C-alpha atoms as a PDB file:
ATOM      1  CA  MET A   1       0.000   0.000   0.000  1.00  0.00           C
ATOM      2  CA  ASP A   2       1.484   3.321  -1.070  1.00  0.00           C
ATOM      3  CA  CYS A   3       0.543   6.213   1.201  1.00  0.00           C
ATOM      4  CA  ASP A   4       1.452   9.726   0.121  1.00  0.00           C
ATOM      5  CA  LEU A   5       0.946  12.101   3.023  1.00  0.00           C
ATOM      6  CA  GLN A   6       0.552  15.747   2.078  1.00  0.00           C
ATOM      7  CA  GLY A   7       0.432  18.614   4.506  1.00  0.00           C
ATOM      8  CA  PRO A   8       2.456  21.187   6.362  1.00  0.00           C
ATOM      9  CA  GLU A   9       6.121  20.542   7.093  1.00  0.00           C
ATOM     10  CA  ILE A  10       6.795  20.673  10.860  1.00  0.00           C
ATOM     11  CA  THR A  11      10.383  21.504  11.794  1.00  0.00           C
ATOM     12  CA  PRO A  12      12.336  22.681  14.818  1.00  0.00           C
ATOM     13  CA  LEU A  13      11.913  26.429  15.105  1.00  0.00           C
ATOM     14  CA  PRO A  14      15.119  28.286  14.228  1.00  0.00           C
ATOM     15  CA  GLN A  15      16.496  30.819  16.678  1.00  0.00           C
ATOM     16  CA  SER A  16      15.094  34.272  16.017  1.00  0.00           C
ATOM     17  CA  THR A  17      15.792  37.795  17.126  1.00  0.00           C
ATOM     18  CA  GLN A  18      12.016  38.313  17.399  1.00  0.00           C
ATOM     19  CA  PHE A  19      11.588  35.927  20.344  1.00  0.00           C
ATOM     20  CA  ASP A  20      13.621  33.662  22.628  1.00  0.00           C
ATOM     21  CA  ILE A  21      12.683  30.079  21.778  1.00  0.00           C
ATOM     22  CA  THR A  22      14.364  28.665  24.895  1.00  0.00           C
ATOM     23  CA  GLU A  23      12.446  30.986  27.227  1.00  0.00           C
ATOM     24  CA  ILE A  24       9.129  30.229  25.517  1.00  0.00           C
ATOM     25  CA  SER A  25       9.793  26.470  25.750  1.00  0.00           C
ATOM     26  CA  ARG A  26      10.612  26.778  29.464  1.00  0.00           C
ATOM     27  CA  TYR A  27       7.409  28.773  30.023  1.00  0.00           C
ATOM     28  CA  ILE A  28       5.345  26.082  28.289  1.00  0.00           C
ATOM     29  CA  ALA A  29       6.993  23.401  30.472  1.00  0.00           C
ATOM     30  CA  ARG A  30       6.279  25.400  33.669  1.00  0.00           C
ATOM     31  CA  VAL A  31       2.612  25.873  32.749  1.00  0.00           C
ATOM     32  CA  LEU A  32       2.170  22.169  31.993  1.00  0.00           C
ATOM     33  CA  GLU A  33       3.870  21.250  35.293  1.00  0.00           C
ATOM     34  CA  GLN A  34       1.486  23.545  37.184  1.00  0.00           C
ATOM     35  CA  LEU A  35      -1.490  21.822  35.559  1.00  0.00           C
ATOM     36  CA  ASN A  36      -0.127  18.601  37.099  1.00  0.00           C
ATOM     37  CA  LYS A  37      -1.557  16.428  34.338  1.00  0.00           C
ATOM     38  CA  GLN A  38       0.211  13.178  33.531  1.00  0.00           C
ATOM     39  CA  ASP A  39       1.121  12.761  29.844  1.00  0.00           C
ATOM     40  CA  ALA A  40       0.594  16.459  29.029  1.00  0.00           C
ATOM     41  CA  TYR A  41       3.015  17.898  26.519  1.00  0.00           C
ATOM     42  CA  GLY A  42       3.689  21.037  24.566  1.00  0.00           C
ATOM     43  CA  LEU A  43       5.811  21.632  21.478  1.00  0.00           C
ATOM     44  CA  PHE A  44       6.959  24.953  20.090  1.00  0.00           C
ATOM     45  CA  ALA A  45       7.779  24.267  16.455  1.00  0.00           C
ATOM     46  CA  GLY A  46       7.912  25.844  13.049  1.00  0.00           C
ATOM     47  CA  VAL A  47       5.367  25.049  10.342  1.00  0.00           C
ATOM     48  CA  ARG A  48       5.952  25.644   6.646  1.00  0.00           C
ATOM     49  CA  VAL A  49       3.063  25.252   4.192  1.00  0.00           C
ATOM     50  CA  ASN A  50       3.772  24.856   0.467  1.00  0.00           C
ATOM     51  CA  GLY A  51       7.410  25.937   0.811  1.00  0.00           C
ATOM     52  CA  GLY A  52       6.499  29.320   2.295  1.00  0.00           C
ATOM     53  CA  GLN A  53       7.823  31.088   5.364  1.00  0.00           C
ATOM     54  CA  VAL A  54       8.336  29.141   8.609  1.00  0.00           C
ATOM     55  CA  VAL A  55       5.650  30.202  11.091  1.00  0.00           C
ATOM     56  CA  PRO A  56       5.925  29.512  14.851  1.00  0.00           C
ATOM     57  CA  ILE A  57       3.165  27.319  16.254  1.00  0.00           C
ATOM     58  CA  LEU A  58       2.371  25.881  19.675  1.00  0.00           C
ATOM     59  CA  ILE A  59       1.157  22.281  19.682  1.00  0.00           C
ATOM     60  CA  PHE A  60      -0.016  20.838  22.987  1.00  0.00           C
ATOM     61  CA  GLU A  61      -2.155  18.128  24.516  1.00  0.00           C
ATOM     62  CA  ILE A  62      -3.638  18.075  27.984  1.00  0.00           C
ATOM     63  CA  PRO A  63      -5.363  14.743  28.684  1.00  0.00           C
ATOM     64  CA  LYS A  64      -8.728  14.755  30.426  1.00  0.00           C
END
């Protein structure tokens, strides 16, 4: 079976002078720790659609 997945390209977010990626990632980790939910996670990544500009995006899951 040949599956051809199409969609946005998700990559590590490059360092930027517009924002501090490390500080934002630490903030996300602190917030998730305060929620005290097992298996919660947050990712701060870059998304590129159709070869365009990399856009920062926050992806997270907080289980019920």
